[in-house]
Amino acid sequence: MDIQGRTIPVRRQYVRNPDCSLELTHSKTENSVRQVSIPQAAVELLIQEHEKHPDRMVNLYK
C-alpha cells in the first residue's frame, strides 16, 4: 500500500472453485495488475486500524 500516493496494488485475485471455496491466484492478465486509488479518509482509517494491531508486522508505508 502506498500511503502517500493513496493507492493499493492489485496483483492477485480470488477465484471461486466449483465447491464454492475461494482460492487466491495470480491475476489472469497483465491488465489485471494495477494500482487502485483510494480516498484520503480510507487511508486514515487503514492507518488507525493498523495502529490497533502493532503485533502484525505489515508495513503500510512501502
Protein backbone atom coordinates (compact mmCIF):
# COMPACT_ATOMS: atom_id res chain seq x y z
CA MET A 1 0.00 0.00 0.00
CA ASP A 2 1.32 3.42 -0.93
CA ILE A 3 0.13 5.77 1.83
CA GLN A 4 1.48 8.95 0.23
CA GLY A 5 0.20 8.05 -3.23
CA ARG A 6 -3.10 6.75 -1.78
CA THR A 7 -3.04 3.56 -3.84
CA ILE A 8 -3.37 -0.16 -3.21
CA PRO A 9 -1.68 -2.63 -5.57
CA VAL A 10 -3.83 -5.35 -7.12
CA ARG A 11 -1.66 -8.32 -8.06
CA ARG A 12 -3.84 -11.31 -7.24
CA GLN A 13 -7.47 -12.30 -7.33
CA TYR A 14 -9.80 -14.67 -5.54
CA VAL A 15 -11.41 -17.35 -7.70
CA ARG A 16 -14.43 -19.35 -6.58
CA ASN A 17 -13.90 -23.07 -7.06
CA PRO A 18 -16.69 -25.50 -8.07
CA ASP A 19 -17.06 -26.50 -4.39
CA CYS A 20 -17.69 -22.79 -3.57
CA SER A 21 -14.35 -22.38 -1.77
CA LEU A 22 -12.14 -19.41 -2.61
CA GLU A 23 -8.59 -19.62 -3.90
CA LEU A 24 -6.09 -16.76 -4.14
CA THR A 25 -4.46 -16.84 -7.57
CA HIS A 26 -2.34 -14.62 -9.78
CA SER A 27 -4.23 -12.19 -11.99
CA LYS A 28 -5.35 -13.59 -15.32
CA THR A 29 -3.88 -10.85 -17.50
CA GLU A 30 -1.23 -8.14 -17.29
CA ASN A 31 -4.03 -5.54 -17.42
CA SER A 32 -5.47 -7.02 -14.23
CA VAL A 33 -2.33 -5.98 -12.32
CA ARG A 34 -2.90 -2.35 -11.38
CA GLN A 35 -2.90 0.34 -8.71
CA VAL A 36 -6.29 1.30 -7.27
CA SER A 37 -6.71 4.81 -5.90
CA ILE A 38 -8.37 5.20 -2.51
CA PRO A 39 -9.69 8.34 -0.79
CA GLN A 40 -7.72 10.01 1.99
CA ALA A 41 -10.44 9.08 4.50
CA ALA A 42 -9.86 5.39 3.71
CA VAL A 43 -6.10 5.83 4.16
CA GLU A 44 -6.67 7.39 7.58
CA LEU A 45 -8.99 4.55 8.63
CA LEU A 46 -6.46 1.94 7.48
CA ILE A 47 -3.69 3.67 9.44
CA GLN A 48 -5.89 3.76 12.56
CA GLU A 49 -6.71 0.07 12.18
CA HIS A 50 -3.03 -0.78 11.63
CA GLU A 51 -2.11 1.06 14.85
CA LYS A 52 -4.62 -1.07 16.79
CA HIS A 53 -2.66 -4.21 15.86
CA PRO A 54 1.06 -3.46 16.32
CA ASP A 55 1.80 -7.20 16.57
CA ARG A 56 1.11 -7.55 12.87
CA MET A 57 4.33 -6.66 11.10
CA VAL A 58 2.80 -5.37 7.87
CA ASN A 59 4.48 -2.23 6.61
CA LEU A 60 1.78 0.09 5.28
CA TYR A 61 4.32 2.72 4.41
CA LYS A 62 6.06 0.97 1.49
